[in-house]
Amino acid sequence: MTQSGRGTFLTSLRFSVTRHILILMKKLLFVLFAIPGVTLAGQAFASTTPCDLSQQYKAFTSAVQNSYNPQGDIQRVIKEELSARASLLSTTIDCARADVVDLKDQVLPDDNNSAKQAKDRLVGSLNEAIHFYDAKKDSIRDLGIQGTKDLAKEIKTWRDGNYDQLAGRVKNFLLWSSNQPLFYKASDRLSQSQIVVTSLKLLNNEDSQKVYYDAKSGLENAQNLNDKVGRAIADNISSEEVFQMIKDSLNALSDTYKNFLEISGKLNTSPAPEEGTSTSTNSE
């Protein structure tokens, strides 16, 4: 490698490494501050379709009030209350279902092959939620007043225990999938660094050797953590736990890029190889 070629490569390597460190820092700041917990999931993934229950709720409150002081035909009053309750419950279920469909629509466009297993299982869970709402809505026609009350409580209990977790899984999946190019780039940088440090015989230097192997083992650790995230999403591990795993993998990757900067610094201060020196290497 000539002095000119070496200088061009080092400039390119330093620029690329610095750029990806900046991207990682933005990712980490986003993870640490922009979405600090699953409690934000409902806000972050709110339905894009407005859900107006005002008319149904107005009819419901009016019917309930009439039932307390019935005027005229009691059977008519009861039917009006039941109709109002059923209408409000049905529309509420439609809104809840729309929230899940919105989550699914955010996941489906992802075309990351390495995330396919996690994506398929997540979509399966979202489909189960959609089917749950469909079945509950279909059951309304057979219910009386007490039945609609019981069903409303059942749906609220189910949503409280499931929707936030689903929304958290979607949030984690989208964040994790968007991180994958950073890991691919890091692997490329390690390969490039190996070629250059070997050609310049820096691996014969104990200090340079340590920095390079620190980067290599650090990347392996970051990749292992990253792979565990994908499996955890697919296995429906709690979204809080997965979120912490994502932060850990990004922190590990950030440390690896710092090693890359150390390598480029050592390359910059190393003596240039003599003209005619072979640059061929044996890959590990």
Protein backbone atom coordinates (compact mmCIF):
# COMPACT_ATOMS: atom_id res chain seq x y z
CA MET A 1 0.00 0.00 0.00
CA THR A 2 1.54 3.34 -1.01
CA GLN A 3 1.73 6.34 1.34
CA SER A 4 -0.92 8.13 -0.74
CA GLY A 5 -3.23 5.12 -0.84
CA ARG A 6 -2.78 4.54 2.85
CA GLY A 7 -3.65 8.16 3.64
CA THR A 8 -6.80 8.00 1.53
CA PHE A 9 -7.90 4.77 3.21
CA LEU A 10 -7.27 6.13 6.70
CA THR A 11 -9.24 9.29 5.97
CA SER A 12 -12.11 7.20 4.65
CA LEU A 13 -11.94 4.80 7.61
CA ARG A 14 -11.89 7.57 10.21
CA PHE A 15 -14.79 9.38 8.53
CA SER A 16 -16.86 6.20 8.33
CA VAL A 17 -16.15 5.15 11.91
CA THR A 18 -16.86 8.64 13.26
CA ARG A 19 -20.10 8.81 11.29
CA HIS A 20 -21.31 5.49 12.64
CA ILE A 21 -20.37 6.46 16.20
CA LEU A 22 -22.52 9.59 15.79
CA ILE A 23 -25.38 7.44 14.51
CA LEU A 24 -24.96 5.11 17.49
CA MET A 25 -24.93 8.04 19.91
CA LYS A 26 -28.19 9.31 18.43
CA LYS A 27 -29.65 5.82 18.73
CA LEU A 28 -28.59 5.55 22.36
CA LEU A 29 -29.98 8.99 23.20
CA PHE A 30 -33.24 8.03 21.50
CA VAL A 31 -33.38 4.78 23.44
CA LEU A 32 -32.48 6.36 26.77
CA PHE A 33 -34.61 9.48 26.62
CA ALA A 34 -37.09 9.56 23.75
CA ILE A 35 -38.80 6.27 24.62
CA PRO A 36 -37.81 5.54 28.22
CA GLY A 37 -40.44 2.92 28.91
CA VAL A 38 -43.26 0.81 27.68
CA THR A 39 -45.71 3.12 29.44
CA LEU A 40 -45.40 5.40 26.41
CA ALA A 41 -46.45 2.64 24.04
CA GLY A 42 -50.08 3.67 23.93
CA GLN A 43 -49.11 7.23 22.97
CA ALA A 44 -46.38 6.21 20.56
CA PHE A 45 -48.64 3.82 18.68
CA ALA A 46 -52.01 5.52 18.94
CA SER A 47 -54.47 4.80 16.19
CA THR A 48 -54.01 7.03 13.15
CA THR A 49 -57.76 6.84 12.58
CA PRO A 50 -59.71 9.22 14.85
CA CYS A 51 -62.08 7.38 17.15
CA ASP A 52 -65.08 9.51 18.07
CA LEU A 53 -67.37 7.94 20.66
CA SER A 54 -69.22 11.13 21.56
CA GLN A 55 -72.52 10.29 19.85
CA GLN A 56 -72.65 6.75 21.20
CA TYR A 57 -71.72 7.94 24.67
CA LYS A 58 -74.38 10.65 24.61
CA ALA A 59 -77.04 8.12 23.60
CA PHE A 60 -75.78 5.73 26.29
CA THR A 61 -75.93 8.28 29.14
CA SER A 62 -79.38 9.40 28.04
CA ALA A 63 -80.68 5.82 27.95
CA VAL A 64 -79.23 5.03 31.38
CA GLN A 65 -80.76 8.15 32.88
CA ASN A 66 -84.15 7.22 31.37
CA SER A 67 -83.88 3.76 32.95
CA TYR A 68 -83.59 5.34 36.39
CA ASN A 69 -86.85 7.25 35.86
CA PRO A 70 -88.73 5.26 33.23
CA GLN A 71 -91.54 7.01 31.42
CA GLY A 72 -94.14 4.94 29.61
CA ASP A 73 -93.37 1.46 28.30
CA ILE A 74 -90.75 -0.23 30.53
CA GLN A 75 -89.85 -2.75 27.83
CA ARG A 76 -89.10 0.08 25.41
CA VAL A 77 -86.85 1.77 27.98
CA ILE A 78 -84.95 -1.47 28.55
CA LYS A 79 -84.51 -2.05 24.81
CA GLU A 80 -83.24 1.51 24.33
CA GLU A 81 -80.70 1.07 27.11
CA LEU A 82 -79.54 -2.26 25.72
CA SER A 83 -79.27 -0.81 22.21
CA ALA A 84 -77.26 2.17 23.47
CA ARG A 85 -74.93 -0.04 25.51
CA ALA A 86 -74.41 -2.42 22.59
CA SER A 87 -73.72 0.46 20.18
CA LEU A 88 -71.15 2.07 22.50
CA LEU A 89 -69.45 -1.24 23.21
CA SER A 90 -69.35 -2.20 19.53
CA THR A 91 -67.81 1.13 18.50
CA THR A 92 -65.31 0.92 21.36
CA ILE A 93 -64.24 -2.52 20.16
CA ASP A 94 -63.84 -1.14 16.64
CA CYS A 95 -61.51 1.55 17.99
CA ALA A 96 -59.48 -0.97 20.00
CA ARG A 97 -59.23 -3.23 16.97
CA ALA A 98 -58.05 -0.31 14.84
CA ASP A 99 -55.21 0.30 17.30
CA VAL A 100 -53.98 -3.26 16.81
CA VAL A 101 -54.32 -3.02 13.02
CA ASP A 102 -52.20 0.13 13.13
CA LEU A 103 -49.51 -1.76 15.04
CA LYS A 104 -49.61 -4.55 12.46
CA ASP A 105 -49.36 -2.05 9.59
CA GLN A 106 -46.16 -0.69 11.13
CA VAL A 107 -44.59 -4.14 11.30
CA LEU A 108 -45.61 -5.58 7.92
CA PRO A 109 -43.46 -3.29 5.70
CA ASP A 110 -40.25 -4.39 7.46
CA ASP A 111 -38.21 -6.42 4.96
CA ASN A 112 -35.20 -7.24 7.12
CA ASN A 113 -34.54 -10.94 6.43
CA SER A 114 -32.68 -11.41 9.70
CA ALA A 115 -35.79 -10.22 11.56
CA LYS A 116 -38.23 -12.52 9.76
CA GLN A 117 -38.80 -14.98 12.62
CA ALA A 118 -39.44 -12.22 15.14
CA LYS A 119 -41.67 -10.41 12.65
CA ASP A 120 -43.74 -13.51 11.86
CA ARG A 121 -44.36 -14.30 15.52
CA LEU A 122 -45.19 -10.70 16.31
CA VAL A 123 -47.67 -10.52 13.42
CA GLY A 124 -49.18 -13.76 14.71
CA SER A 125 -49.74 -12.20 18.15
CA LEU A 126 -51.29 -9.12 16.56
CA ASN A 127 -53.62 -11.32 14.50
CA GLU A 128 -54.70 -13.12 17.67
CA ALA A 129 -55.60 -9.75 19.21
CA ILE A 130 -57.61 -8.81 16.13
CA HIS A 131 -59.47 -12.12 16.23
CA PHE A 132 -60.17 -11.57 19.95
CA TYR A 133 -61.88 -8.26 19.22
CA ASP A 134 -63.80 -9.71 16.27
CA ALA A 135 -65.14 -12.58 18.39
CA LYS A 136 -66.17 -10.26 21.22
CA LYS A 137 -67.96 -7.92 18.85
CA ASP A 138 -69.85 -10.81 17.28
CA SER A 139 -71.02 -11.94 20.73
CA ILE A 140 -72.73 -8.64 21.52
CA ARG A 141 -75.87 -9.50 19.59
CA ASP A 142 -76.67 -12.32 22.03
CA LEU A 143 -76.17 -10.32 25.22
CA GLY A 144 -78.51 -8.57 27.56
CA ILE A 145 -77.76 -5.48 29.67
CA GLN A 146 -75.75 -7.40 32.29
CA GLY A 147 -73.95 -9.30 29.56
CA THR A 148 -72.77 -6.08 27.90
CA LYS A 149 -71.53 -4.84 31.28
CA ASP A 150 -69.60 -8.06 31.85
CA LEU A 151 -68.15 -8.01 28.33
CA ALA A 152 -67.00 -4.41 28.70
CA LYS A 153 -65.14 -5.37 31.90
CA GLU A 154 -63.63 -8.43 30.20
CA ILE A 155 -62.34 -6.41 27.25
CA LYS A 156 -60.90 -3.71 29.50
CA THR A 157 -59.12 -6.33 31.61
CA TRP A 158 -57.74 -8.04 28.48
CA ARG A 159 -56.56 -4.77 26.97
CA ASP A 160 -54.92 -3.61 30.19
CA GLY A 161 -52.98 -6.87 30.32
CA ASN A 162 -52.17 -7.25 26.62
CA TYR A 163 -52.21 -4.09 24.55
CA ASP A 164 -49.32 -2.26 26.23
CA GLN A 165 -47.23 -5.41 25.96
CA LEU A 166 -48.08 -5.77 22.26
CA ALA A 167 -47.32 -2.11 21.62
CA GLY A 168 -44.04 -2.50 23.50
CA ARG A 169 -43.10 -5.53 21.40
CA VAL A 170 -43.80 -3.59 18.20
CA LYS A 171 -41.76 -0.62 19.43
CA ASN A 172 -38.85 -2.90 20.33
CA PHE A 173 -39.07 -4.80 17.05
CA LEU A 174 -39.00 -1.65 14.90
CA LEU A 175 -36.11 -0.20 16.92
CA TRP A 176 -34.15 -3.46 16.83
CA SER A 177 -34.72 -3.99 13.11
CA SER A 178 -33.58 -0.45 12.31
CA ASN A 179 -30.34 -1.13 14.24
CA GLN A 180 -29.23 -4.02 12.03
CA PRO A 181 -27.38 -1.90 9.41
CA LEU A 182 -25.15 -0.60 12.22
CA PHE A 183 -24.07 -4.15 13.04
CA TYR A 184 -23.49 -4.98 9.35
CA LYS A 185 -21.31 -1.86 8.98
CA ALA A 186 -19.32 -2.72 12.09
CA SER A 187 -18.54 -6.17 10.68
CA ASP A 188 -17.34 -4.55 7.44
CA ARG A 189 -15.15 -2.10 9.37
CA LEU A 190 -13.54 -4.94 11.30
CA SER A 191 -12.71 -6.77 8.07
CA GLN A 192 -11.19 -3.62 6.56
CA SER A 193 -9.19 -2.96 9.71
CA GLN A 194 -7.86 -6.51 9.71
CA ILE A 195 -6.58 -6.17 6.15
CA VAL A 196 -4.80 -2.87 6.82
CA VAL A 197 -3.27 -3.66 10.21
CA THR A 198 -2.01 -6.97 8.87
CA SER A 199 -0.51 -5.40 5.75
CA LEU A 200 1.21 -2.78 7.89
CA LYS A 201 2.33 -5.52 10.30
CA LEU A 202 0.74 -3.70 13.22
CA LEU A 203 -0.36 -7.00 14.71
CA ASN A 204 3.29 -7.62 15.55
CA ASN A 205 2.96 -4.71 17.97
CA GLU A 206 1.54 -5.89 21.30
CA ASP A 207 -0.45 -2.71 21.97
CA SER A 208 -1.93 -2.61 18.47
CA GLN A 209 -2.68 -6.30 18.69
CA LYS A 210 -4.67 -5.75 21.91
CA VAL A 211 -6.75 -2.93 20.40
CA TYR A 212 -7.60 -4.99 17.33
CA TYR A 213 -8.59 -8.08 19.30
CA ASP A 214 -10.56 -5.92 21.73
CA ALA A 215 -12.54 -4.65 18.75
CA LYS A 216 -13.03 -8.18 17.44
CA SER A 217 -14.21 -9.64 20.76
CA GLY A 218 -16.29 -6.53 21.44
CA LEU A 219 -18.11 -6.89 18.14
CA GLU A 220 -18.74 -10.58 18.79
CA ASN A 221 -20.25 -9.67 22.15
CA ALA A 222 -22.41 -6.93 20.61
CA GLN A 223 -23.61 -9.28 17.88
CA ASN A 224 -24.46 -11.98 20.43
CA LEU A 225 -26.49 -9.47 22.45
CA ASN A 226 -28.18 -8.29 19.26
CA ASP A 227 -29.10 -11.85 18.27
CA LYS A 228 -30.59 -12.44 21.73
CA VAL A 229 -32.86 -9.44 21.23
CA GLY A 230 -34.34 -10.97 18.09
CA ARG A 231 -34.97 -14.27 19.85
CA ALA A 232 -36.49 -12.50 22.85
CA ILE A 233 -38.94 -10.59 20.65
CA ALA A 234 -39.91 -13.80 18.86
CA ASP A 235 -40.35 -15.62 22.20
CA ASN A 236 -42.57 -12.86 23.62
CA ILE A 237 -40.21 -11.93 26.45
CA SER A 238 -41.45 -8.90 28.41
CA SER A 239 -41.03 -5.68 26.46
CA GLU A 240 -39.26 -4.03 29.41
CA GLU A 241 -36.61 -6.76 29.47
CA VAL A 242 -36.16 -6.66 25.69
CA PHE A 243 -35.83 -2.89 25.77
CA GLN A 244 -32.94 -3.20 28.24
CA MET A 245 -31.33 -5.82 26.00
CA ILE A 246 -31.49 -3.40 23.05
CA LYS A 247 -29.73 -0.74 25.10
CA ASP A 248 -27.06 -3.23 26.15
CA SER A 249 -26.41 -4.30 22.54
CA LEU A 250 -26.08 -0.70 21.37
CA ASN A 251 -23.75 0.17 24.23
CA ALA A 252 -21.57 -2.81 23.34
CA LEU A 253 -21.53 -1.77 19.68
CA SER A 254 -20.61 1.78 20.67
CA ASP A 255 -17.58 0.45 22.55
CA THR A 256 -16.56 -1.47 19.43
CA TYR A 257 -16.59 1.69 17.32
CA LYS A 258 -14.39 3.35 19.91
CA ASN A 259 -11.91 0.51 19.34
CA PHE A 260 -12.09 1.22 15.60
CA LEU A 261 -11.12 4.85 16.27
CA GLU A 262 -8.14 3.64 18.30
CA ILE A 263 -7.10 1.41 15.42
CA SER A 264 -7.32 4.27 12.91
CA GLY A 265 -5.26 6.43 15.28
CA LYS A 266 -2.53 3.81 15.45
CA LEU A 267 -2.59 3.41 11.68
CA ASN A 268 -2.14 7.15 11.36
CA THR A 269 0.99 7.16 13.52
CA SER A 270 2.55 3.97 12.16
CA PRO A 271 5.47 4.17 9.70
CA ALA A 272 4.59 3.71 6.04
CA PRO A 273 5.55 0.38 4.47
CA GLU A 274 8.40 0.41 2.02
CA GLU A 275 7.51 0.61 -1.66
CA GLY A 276 7.05 -2.84 -3.13
CA THR A 277 6.06 -4.41 0.19
CA SER A 278 3.44 -7.06 -0.31
CA THR A 279 -0.05 -6.19 0.98
CA SER A 280 -1.50 -9.67 0.64
CA THR A 281 -2.89 -11.21 3.82
CA ASN A 282 -4.24 -14.45 5.05
CA SER A 283 -7.74 -14.06 6.41
CA GLU A 284 -8.40 -15.45 9.82
